[in-house]
Amino acid sequence: MKDYTKIGYTKKLYGIKGGVRVVVEEAYQDVLLDCKVLFLNQDGRKIPYFVDKIIDAAPFRIIFEDHQDRNAAQALTGKEIYIPTDQLPTSPTPSLDLTTLEGFTLSDSEVGPIGAIKEIQEFPQQLMALVSYQEKDILIPLHENLISEIEMDSQTIFISLPDGLLEL
C-alpha cells in the first residue's frame, strides 16, 4: 500500500475555466509545481487527478484535466491534496538551530581557529556570533553562505569569512 503526504487542500472555484484555488503548505510549494498528478481525498480514498495547469501566483490555482469548466471543477473543491511520500525530496540533513552553538569554536578557512563563541546575538534577519579574537570582542555573521561545515563531535564551525572582516 502506497504512503501519501498531505500537502494542502482545495478551496473554492476561481475563474470560468475550472480553476480551483488551493492552499499548500509552504514546505511543499516547490514540490507542487513539479507535480503532474495530485491525489484528492474523496471518502477516505486517494483519487488521482491529472494537472493541466498550475498558476503559482497568489493564490495558487490549479486546472485539472477533464475538469476544465466550473461545473466539473466544483466537485473538486474542499478536498485534501496528497502526493505520494516517495515523491518528496529527501533532506540530506535536518536543519540546525544555530542559536544552540554557543561554546563552539569558529575556524576560518584562511586564518584557522578564531575563537570560541561566547554568545549568539539575534539581529534583524541575521544571527551574529560574539567571539574574542586577538584580545577584542568581534561579531561574526552566522550565515549559511559563510558556513562550510559544522562538526558536532569536535564542536567546530568551519567558515569562509570575507577578506578583512577580522580586521574591522
N, C-alpha and C. Protein backbone atom coordinates (compact mmCIF):
# COMPACT_ATOMS: atom_id res chain seq x y z
N MET A 1 0.84 -1.19 0.00
CA MET A 1 0.00 0.00 0.00
C MET A 1 0.88 1.25 0.00
N LYS A 2 0.57 2.21 -0.82
CA LYS A 2 1.36 3.40 -1.01
C LYS A 2 1.10 4.41 0.12
N ASP A 3 2.18 5.08 0.59
CA ASP A 3 2.04 6.12 1.59
C ASP A 3 1.89 7.46 0.90
N TYR A 4 1.04 8.32 1.47
CA TYR A 4 0.80 9.65 0.93
C TYR A 4 1.06 10.69 2.01
N THR A 5 1.41 11.89 1.57
CA THR A 5 1.64 13.00 2.47
C THR A 5 0.68 14.12 2.07
N LYS A 6 -0.03 14.63 3.05
CA LYS A 6 -0.94 15.74 2.80
C LYS A 6 -0.11 17.01 2.61
N ILE A 7 -0.34 17.72 1.51
CA ILE A 7 0.40 18.95 1.25
C ILE A 7 -0.48 20.19 1.29
N GLY A 8 -1.81 20.00 1.32
CA GLY A 8 -2.71 21.14 1.35
C GLY A 8 -4.13 20.72 1.10
N TYR A 9 -4.93 21.67 0.59
CA TYR A 9 -6.32 21.38 0.31
C TYR A 9 -6.85 22.33 -0.75
N THR A 10 -7.91 21.90 -1.42
CA THR A 10 -8.56 22.74 -2.41
C THR A 10 -9.57 23.63 -1.71
N LYS A 11 -9.80 24.80 -2.30
CA LYS A 11 -10.79 25.73 -1.75
C LYS A 11 -11.91 25.89 -2.77
N LYS A 12 -12.27 27.11 -3.03
CA LYS A 12 -13.38 27.36 -3.95
C LYS A 12 -12.89 27.56 -5.39
N LEU A 13 -13.84 27.69 -6.29
CA LEU A 13 -13.52 27.87 -7.70
C LEU A 13 -12.92 29.25 -7.95
N TYR A 14 -12.17 29.32 -9.06
CA TYR A 14 -11.54 30.58 -9.44
C TYR A 14 -11.66 30.72 -10.96
N GLY A 15 -12.30 31.75 -11.43
CA GLY A 15 -12.42 31.99 -12.86
C GLY A 15 -13.49 31.12 -13.51
N ILE A 16 -13.53 31.19 -14.85
CA ILE A 16 -14.58 30.47 -15.59
C ILE A 16 -14.07 29.21 -16.28
N LYS A 17 -12.77 28.95 -16.17
CA LYS A 17 -12.19 27.80 -16.87
C LYS A 17 -11.92 26.61 -15.95
N GLY A 18 -12.60 26.54 -14.82
CA GLY A 18 -12.45 25.39 -13.94
C GLY A 18 -11.28 25.47 -13.00
N GLY A 19 -10.73 26.65 -12.80
CA GLY A 19 -9.63 26.81 -11.86
C GLY A 19 -10.11 26.61 -10.42
N VAL A 20 -9.28 25.96 -9.63
CA VAL A 20 -9.61 25.73 -8.23
C VAL A 20 -8.50 26.37 -7.39
N ARG A 21 -8.89 27.20 -6.44
CA ARG A 21 -7.90 27.76 -5.52
C ARG A 21 -7.40 26.65 -4.61
N VAL A 22 -6.11 26.71 -4.30
CA VAL A 22 -5.55 25.71 -3.39
C VAL A 22 -4.69 26.40 -2.34
N VAL A 23 -4.65 25.79 -1.19
CA VAL A 23 -3.76 26.22 -0.12
C VAL A 23 -2.76 25.08 0.06
N VAL A 24 -1.48 25.41 -0.06
CA VAL A 24 -0.43 24.40 0.03
C VAL A 24 0.56 24.85 1.09
N GLU A 25 0.94 23.94 1.98
CA GLU A 25 1.93 24.26 3.00
C GLU A 25 3.20 24.75 2.32
N GLU A 26 3.81 25.77 2.90
CA GLU A 26 4.97 26.42 2.29
C GLU A 26 6.08 25.43 1.95
N ALA A 27 6.30 24.45 2.80
CA ALA A 27 7.37 23.48 2.57
C ALA A 27 7.15 22.65 1.31
N TYR A 28 5.90 22.59 0.82
CA TYR A 28 5.58 21.74 -0.33
C TYR A 28 5.28 22.53 -1.60
N GLN A 29 5.40 23.86 -1.57
CA GLN A 29 5.03 24.66 -2.74
C GLN A 29 5.89 24.34 -3.96
N ASP A 30 7.19 24.17 -3.78
CA ASP A 30 8.05 23.82 -4.92
C ASP A 30 7.73 22.43 -5.44
N VAL A 31 7.40 21.52 -4.55
CA VAL A 31 7.04 20.16 -4.95
C VAL A 31 5.77 20.19 -5.79
N LEU A 32 4.81 21.01 -5.37
CA LEU A 32 3.55 21.10 -6.09
C LEU A 32 3.77 21.52 -7.54
N LEU A 33 4.66 22.47 -7.76
CA LEU A 33 4.89 22.99 -9.10
C LEU A 33 5.41 21.93 -10.07
N ASP A 34 6.03 20.87 -9.54
CA ASP A 34 6.56 19.80 -10.38
C ASP A 34 5.59 18.63 -10.55
N CYS A 35 4.48 18.66 -9.87
CA CYS A 35 3.55 17.53 -9.90
C CYS A 35 2.71 17.51 -11.17
N LYS A 36 2.59 16.33 -11.73
CA LYS A 36 1.71 16.11 -12.89
C LYS A 36 0.40 15.46 -12.45
N VAL A 37 0.45 14.79 -11.29
CA VAL A 37 -0.72 14.11 -10.74
C VAL A 37 -0.82 14.46 -9.27
N LEU A 38 -2.01 14.85 -8.85
CA LEU A 38 -2.27 15.08 -7.42
C LEU A 38 -3.38 14.12 -7.00
N PHE A 39 -3.35 13.74 -5.75
CA PHE A 39 -4.35 12.82 -5.23
C PHE A 39 -5.26 13.60 -4.28
N LEU A 40 -6.56 13.55 -4.55
CA LEU A 40 -7.52 14.23 -3.70
C LEU A 40 -8.25 13.19 -2.86
N ASN A 41 -8.49 13.55 -1.62
CA ASN A 41 -9.15 12.65 -0.70
C ASN A 41 -10.66 12.71 -0.95
N GLN A 42 -11.23 11.59 -1.36
CA GLN A 42 -12.67 11.51 -1.56
C GLN A 42 -13.17 10.28 -0.83
N ASP A 43 -13.93 10.52 0.21
CA ASP A 43 -14.49 9.45 1.03
C ASP A 43 -13.41 8.52 1.56
N GLY A 44 -12.27 9.10 1.99
CA GLY A 44 -11.21 8.31 2.58
C GLY A 44 -10.28 7.65 1.58
N ARG A 45 -10.54 7.81 0.30
CA ARG A 45 -9.69 7.22 -0.74
C ARG A 45 -8.92 8.33 -1.44
N LYS A 46 -7.71 8.03 -1.87
CA LYS A 46 -6.87 8.99 -2.61
C LYS A 46 -7.09 8.75 -4.10
N ILE A 47 -7.78 9.68 -4.74
CA ILE A 47 -8.12 9.56 -6.15
C ILE A 47 -7.17 10.44 -6.97
N PRO A 48 -6.50 9.88 -8.00
CA PRO A 48 -5.57 10.68 -8.80
C PRO A 48 -6.31 11.60 -9.77
N TYR A 49 -5.79 12.83 -9.88
CA TYR A 49 -6.27 13.81 -10.84
C TYR A 49 -5.06 14.39 -11.55
N PHE A 50 -5.13 14.42 -12.89
CA PHE A 50 -4.02 14.93 -13.68
C PHE A 50 -4.09 16.44 -13.76
N VAL A 51 -2.94 17.07 -13.58
CA VAL A 51 -2.85 18.53 -13.59
C VAL A 51 -2.67 19.02 -15.02
N ASP A 52 -3.53 19.94 -15.42
CA ASP A 52 -3.39 20.58 -16.73
C ASP A 52 -2.52 21.83 -16.60
N LYS A 53 -2.75 22.61 -15.54
CA LYS A 53 -2.03 23.87 -15.39
C LYS A 53 -2.01 24.27 -13.92
N ILE A 54 -0.86 24.78 -13.47
CA ILE A 54 -0.73 25.33 -12.12
C ILE A 54 -0.33 26.79 -12.27
N ILE A 55 -1.10 27.64 -11.63
CA ILE A 55 -0.79 29.07 -11.62
C ILE A 55 -0.26 29.37 -10.23
N ASP A 56 1.05 29.73 -10.16
CA ASP A 56 1.68 29.85 -8.85
C ASP A 56 1.65 31.27 -8.28
N ALA A 57 0.93 32.17 -8.90
CA ALA A 57 0.76 33.49 -8.30
C ALA A 57 -0.27 33.37 -7.18
N ALA A 58 -0.11 34.20 -6.16
CA ALA A 58 -1.05 34.12 -5.03
C ALA A 58 -2.44 34.55 -5.50
N PRO A 59 -3.46 33.82 -5.22
CA PRO A 59 -3.45 32.50 -4.60
C PRO A 59 -3.09 31.42 -5.64
N PHE A 60 -2.54 30.30 -5.17
CA PHE A 60 -2.26 29.17 -6.05
C PHE A 60 -3.58 28.71 -6.66
N ARG A 61 -3.52 28.38 -7.96
CA ARG A 61 -4.70 27.86 -8.64
C ARG A 61 -4.28 26.70 -9.51
N ILE A 62 -5.16 25.72 -9.61
CA ILE A 62 -4.90 24.53 -10.42
C ILE A 62 -6.08 24.29 -11.34
N ILE A 63 -5.77 23.95 -12.58
CA ILE A 63 -6.80 23.47 -13.51
C ILE A 63 -6.46 22.01 -13.78
N PHE A 64 -7.42 21.15 -13.47
CA PHE A 64 -7.22 19.71 -13.66
C PHE A 64 -7.75 19.29 -15.03
N GLU A 65 -7.05 18.31 -15.64
CA GLU A 65 -7.54 17.73 -16.90
C GLU A 65 -8.93 17.16 -16.65
N ASP A 66 -9.77 17.22 -17.64
CA ASP A 66 -11.14 16.69 -17.59
C ASP A 66 -12.03 17.42 -16.59
N HIS A 67 -11.57 18.54 -16.04
CA HIS A 67 -12.38 19.34 -15.11
C HIS A 67 -12.16 20.81 -15.43
N GLN A 68 -12.29 21.16 -16.73
CA GLN A 68 -11.94 22.50 -17.17
C GLN A 68 -13.14 23.41 -17.36
N ASP A 69 -14.20 23.13 -16.66
CA ASP A 69 -15.31 24.07 -16.59
C ASP A 69 -15.79 24.13 -15.15
N ARG A 70 -16.53 25.14 -14.83
CA ARG A 70 -16.92 25.38 -13.43
C ARG A 70 -17.72 24.21 -12.84
N ASN A 71 -18.62 23.66 -13.60
CA ASN A 71 -19.47 22.58 -13.07
C ASN A 71 -18.64 21.34 -12.72
N ALA A 72 -17.74 20.95 -13.60
CA ALA A 72 -16.92 19.77 -13.34
C ALA A 72 -15.95 20.03 -12.19
N ALA A 73 -15.38 21.24 -12.15
CA ALA A 73 -14.39 21.56 -11.12
C ALA A 73 -15.03 21.71 -9.74
N GLN A 74 -16.31 22.02 -9.68
CA GLN A 74 -17.00 22.20 -8.39
C GLN A 74 -16.87 20.95 -7.52
N ALA A 75 -16.86 19.78 -8.14
CA ALA A 75 -16.75 18.52 -7.39
C ALA A 75 -15.39 18.36 -6.71
N LEU A 76 -14.38 19.19 -7.11
CA LEU A 76 -13.04 19.05 -6.56
C LEU A 76 -12.75 20.07 -5.45
N THR A 77 -13.70 20.88 -5.09
CA THR A 77 -13.48 21.88 -4.04
C THR A 77 -13.63 21.25 -2.66
N GLY A 78 -12.89 21.82 -1.71
CA GLY A 78 -12.98 21.36 -0.32
C GLY A 78 -12.37 19.99 -0.08
N LYS A 79 -11.36 19.61 -0.85
CA LYS A 79 -10.72 18.29 -0.73
C LYS A 79 -9.27 18.45 -0.26
N GLU A 80 -8.81 17.50 0.52
CA GLU A 80 -7.40 17.47 0.92
C GLU A 80 -6.57 17.00 -0.27
N ILE A 81 -5.36 17.62 -0.42
CA ILE A 81 -4.46 17.28 -1.51
C ILE A 81 -3.31 16.45 -0.96
N TYR A 82 -3.02 15.34 -1.63
CA TYR A 82 -1.93 14.45 -1.23
C TYR A 82 -1.01 14.19 -2.42
N ILE A 83 0.24 13.87 -2.10
CA ILE A 83 1.16 13.33 -3.09
C ILE A 83 1.82 12.10 -2.49
N PRO A 84 2.28 11.17 -3.33
CA PRO A 84 2.99 10.00 -2.79
C PRO A 84 4.23 10.46 -2.01
N THR A 85 4.42 9.90 -0.84
CA THR A 85 5.53 10.29 0.02
C THR A 85 6.87 10.07 -0.67
N ASP A 86 6.96 9.05 -1.52
CA ASP A 86 8.23 8.81 -2.20
C ASP A 86 8.58 9.87 -3.24
N GLN A 87 7.65 10.79 -3.54
CA GLN A 87 7.94 11.88 -4.47
C GLN A 87 8.50 13.12 -3.74
N LEU A 88 8.49 13.09 -2.43
CA LEU A 88 9.03 14.22 -1.67
C LEU A 88 10.54 14.19 -1.73
N PRO A 89 11.16 15.36 -1.86
CA PRO A 89 12.63 15.38 -1.83
C PRO A 89 13.12 15.01 -0.44
N THR A 90 14.22 14.30 -0.40
CA THR A 90 14.77 13.93 0.90
C THR A 90 15.76 15.01 1.32
N SER A 91 15.66 15.42 2.54
CA SER A 91 16.56 16.42 3.08
C SER A 91 17.82 15.72 3.55
N PRO A 92 18.99 16.12 3.07
CA PRO A 92 20.21 15.42 3.44
C PRO A 92 20.52 15.55 4.94
N THR A 93 20.23 16.69 5.52
CA THR A 93 20.44 16.86 6.95
C THR A 93 19.30 17.68 7.51
N PRO A 94 18.86 17.37 8.71
CA PRO A 94 17.83 18.20 9.31
C PRO A 94 18.39 19.58 9.58
N SER A 95 17.52 20.57 9.57
CA SER A 95 18.01 21.93 9.81
C SER A 95 18.48 22.05 11.25
N LEU A 96 19.52 22.86 11.43
CA LEU A 96 20.15 23.01 12.72
C LEU A 96 19.84 24.39 13.26
N ASP A 97 19.47 24.47 14.53
CA ASP A 97 19.22 25.74 15.17
C ASP A 97 20.56 26.34 15.56
N LEU A 98 20.97 27.39 14.85
CA LEU A 98 22.29 27.98 15.07
C LEU A 98 22.40 28.67 16.42
N THR A 99 21.28 28.99 17.06
CA THR A 99 21.34 29.66 18.36
C THR A 99 21.84 28.72 19.46
N THR A 100 21.97 27.45 19.16
CA THR A 100 22.43 26.47 20.16
C THR A 100 23.93 26.21 20.07
N LEU A 101 24.65 27.02 19.31
CA LEU A 101 26.06 26.74 19.05
C LEU A 101 27.03 27.53 19.94
N GLU A 102 26.54 28.12 21.03
CA GLU A 102 27.45 28.80 21.96
C GLU A 102 28.46 27.80 22.48
N GLY A 103 29.72 28.23 22.56
CA GLY A 103 30.79 27.36 23.02
C GLY A 103 31.52 26.67 21.88
N PHE A 104 30.92 26.61 20.69
CA PHE A 104 31.58 26.02 19.53
C PHE A 104 32.74 26.94 19.11
N THR A 105 33.76 26.36 18.53
CA THR A 105 34.91 27.12 18.04
C THR A 105 34.71 27.46 16.57
N LEU A 106 34.95 28.73 16.23
CA LEU A 106 34.91 29.14 14.83
C LEU A 106 36.30 28.98 14.23
N SER A 107 36.36 28.42 13.03
CA SER A 107 37.63 28.24 12.35
C SER A 107 37.47 28.69 10.91
N ASP A 108 38.25 29.70 10.51
CA ASP A 108 38.20 30.24 9.16
C ASP A 108 39.09 29.42 8.23
N SER A 109 38.69 29.31 6.97
CA SER A 109 39.45 28.51 6.00
C SER A 109 40.84 29.11 5.72
N GLU A 110 41.00 30.42 5.87
CA GLU A 110 42.29 31.06 5.63
C GLU A 110 43.09 31.26 6.91
N VAL A 111 42.44 31.80 7.95
CA VAL A 111 43.11 32.20 9.19
C VAL A 111 43.32 31.03 10.14
N GLY A 112 42.40 30.07 10.10
CA GLY A 112 42.44 28.97 11.06
C GLY A 112 41.52 29.27 12.24
N PRO A 113 41.78 28.69 13.41
CA PRO A 113 40.91 28.90 14.56
C PRO A 113 40.82 30.38 14.94
N ILE A 114 39.59 30.85 15.14
CA ILE A 114 39.36 32.25 15.52
C ILE A 114 39.10 32.36 17.01
N GLY A 115 38.25 31.50 17.52
CA GLY A 115 37.93 31.51 18.94
C GLY A 115 36.59 30.86 19.19
N ALA A 116 36.28 30.69 20.48
CA ALA A 116 35.01 30.08 20.89
C ALA A 116 33.91 31.13 20.89
N ILE A 117 32.71 30.70 20.53
CA ILE A 117 31.56 31.60 20.53
C ILE A 117 31.14 31.85 21.97
N LYS A 118 31.20 33.11 22.38
CA LYS A 118 30.79 33.49 23.74
C LYS A 118 29.27 33.63 23.83
N GLU A 119 28.71 34.13 22.75
CA GLU A 119 27.27 34.42 22.76
C GLU A 119 26.77 34.50 21.32
N ILE A 120 25.51 34.11 21.12
CA ILE A 120 24.86 34.27 19.81
C ILE A 120 23.86 35.40 19.97
N GLN A 121 23.97 36.41 19.13
CA GLN A 121 23.06 37.56 19.20
C GLN A 121 22.21 37.58 17.94
N GLU A 122 20.92 37.88 18.14
CA GLU A 122 20.00 37.95 17.01
C GLU A 122 19.80 39.40 16.61
N PHE A 123 20.08 39.68 15.36
CA PHE A 123 19.82 40.98 14.76
C PHE A 123 18.75 40.76 13.70
N PRO A 124 18.11 41.83 13.23
CA PRO A 124 17.10 41.63 12.19
C PRO A 124 17.67 40.87 11.00
N GLN A 125 17.12 39.72 10.74
CA GLN A 125 17.47 38.85 9.62
C GLN A 125 18.91 38.33 9.65
N GLN A 126 19.55 38.36 10.83
CA GLN A 126 20.94 37.90 10.88
C GLN A 126 21.30 37.44 12.29
N LEU A 127 21.93 36.29 12.39
CA LEU A 127 22.50 35.83 13.65
C LEU A 127 23.98 36.17 13.65
N MET A 128 24.47 36.66 14.78
CA MET A 128 25.88 37.03 14.89
C MET A 128 26.49 36.28 16.06
N ALA A 129 27.72 35.82 15.87
CA ALA A 129 28.46 35.14 16.94
C ALA A 129 29.43 36.14 17.56
N LEU A 130 29.35 36.28 18.87
CA LEU A 130 30.31 37.12 19.59
C LEU A 130 31.49 36.24 19.96
N VAL A 131 32.67 36.63 19.44
CA VAL A 131 33.88 35.84 19.61
C VAL A 131 35.00 36.75 20.06
N SER A 132 35.84 36.26 20.96
CA SER A 132 37.03 37.01 21.36
C SER A 132 38.16 36.61 20.43
N TYR A 133 38.69 37.59 19.66
CA TYR A 133 39.75 37.33 18.69
C TYR A 133 40.84 38.38 18.89
N GLN A 134 42.04 37.95 19.13
CA GLN A 134 43.19 38.81 19.37
C GLN A 134 42.88 39.87 20.44
N GLU A 135 42.34 39.39 21.55
CA GLU A 135 42.05 40.17 22.75
C GLU A 135 40.97 41.24 22.57
N LYS A 136 40.11 41.11 21.55
CA LYS A 136 38.96 42.01 21.44
C LYS A 136 37.75 41.20 20.98
N ASP A 137 36.57 41.68 21.40
CA ASP A 137 35.33 41.01 21.01
C ASP A 137 34.90 41.49 19.64
N ILE A 138 34.59 40.54 18.77
CA ILE A 138 34.09 40.88 17.44
C ILE A 138 32.82 40.09 17.16
N LEU A 139 32.00 40.62 16.26
CA LEU A 139 30.79 39.93 15.82
C LEU A 139 31.04 39.35 14.44
N ILE A 140 30.71 38.07 14.31
CA ILE A 140 30.88 37.37 13.04
C ILE A 140 29.50 36.85 12.60
N PRO A 141 29.10 37.15 11.36
CA PRO A 141 27.79 36.68 10.90
C PRO A 141 27.76 35.16 10.76
N LEU A 142 26.67 34.58 11.24
CA LEU A 142 26.46 33.13 11.06
C LEU A 142 25.45 32.97 9.93
N HIS A 143 25.97 33.02 8.73
CA HIS A 143 25.11 32.92 7.55
C HIS A 143 25.45 31.63 6.82
N GLU A 144 24.42 30.99 6.29
CA GLU A 144 24.62 29.69 5.62
C GLU A 144 25.61 29.75 4.46
N ASN A 145 25.74 30.92 3.82
CA ASN A 145 26.70 31.04 2.71
C ASN A 145 28.14 31.10 3.21
N LEU A 146 28.33 31.44 4.48
CA LEU A 146 29.68 31.52 5.03
C LEU A 146 30.11 30.22 5.70
N ILE A 147 29.13 29.46 6.19
CA ILE A 147 29.43 28.22 6.92
C ILE A 147 29.63 27.08 5.92
N SER A 148 30.80 26.45 5.97
CA SER A 148 31.05 25.34 5.06
C SER A 148 30.77 23.99 5.72
N GLU A 149 30.98 23.92 7.05
CA GLU A 149 30.76 22.64 7.74
C GLU A 149 30.62 22.90 9.23
N ILE A 150 29.81 22.07 9.88
CA ILE A 150 29.70 22.09 11.34
C ILE A 150 30.00 20.68 11.82
N GLU A 151 31.06 20.54 12.60
CA GLU A 151 31.42 19.24 13.17
C GLU A 151 30.90 19.20 14.60
N MET A 152 29.91 18.37 14.81
CA MET A 152 29.30 18.27 16.14
C MET A 152 30.27 17.62 17.13
N ASP A 153 31.03 16.61 16.70
CA ASP A 153 31.93 15.90 17.61
C ASP A 153 33.00 16.82 18.20
N SER A 154 33.62 17.61 17.34
CA SER A 154 34.69 18.49 17.82
C SER A 154 34.18 19.87 18.19
N GLN A 155 32.88 20.09 18.01
CA GLN A 155 32.24 21.38 18.28
C GLN A 155 32.97 22.51 17.56
N THR A 156 33.15 22.33 16.25
CA THR A 156 33.84 23.31 15.42
C THR A 156 32.95 23.71 14.25
N ILE A 157 32.91 25.02 13.99
CA ILE A 157 32.19 25.55 12.84
C ILE A 157 33.23 26.07 11.87
N PHE A 158 33.28 25.49 10.68
CA PHE A 158 34.22 25.92 9.66
C PHE A 158 33.54 26.94 8.77
N ILE A 159 34.16 28.13 8.67
CA ILE A 159 33.58 29.22 7.90
C ILE A 159 34.60 29.78 6.91
N SER A 160 34.09 30.50 5.94
CA SER A 160 34.93 31.22 4.98
C SER A 160 34.52 32.68 5.05
N LEU A 161 35.29 33.46 5.81
CA LEU A 161 34.96 34.87 6.01
C LEU A 161 35.47 35.72 4.86
N PRO A 162 34.74 36.79 4.55
CA PRO A 162 35.23 37.72 3.54
C PRO A 162 36.54 38.36 4.01
N ASP A 163 37.40 38.69 3.07
CA ASP A 163 38.68 39.33 3.39
C ASP A 163 38.44 40.61 4.18
N GLY A 164 39.24 40.78 5.23
CA GLY A 164 39.20 42.00 6.03
C GLY A 164 38.18 42.02 7.14
N LEU A 165 37.31 41.04 7.24
CA LEU A 165 36.28 41.07 8.27
C LEU A 165 36.88 41.03 9.67
N LEU A 166 37.94 40.29 9.86
CA LEU A 166 38.55 40.18 11.19
C LEU A 166 39.34 41.44 11.57
N GLU A 167 39.66 42.29 10.61
CA GLU A 167 40.42 43.50 10.91
C GLU A 167 39.53 44.68 11.27
N LEU A 168 38.22 44.53 11.15
CA LEU A 168 37.32 45.66 11.45
C LEU A 168 37.36 46.05 12.90
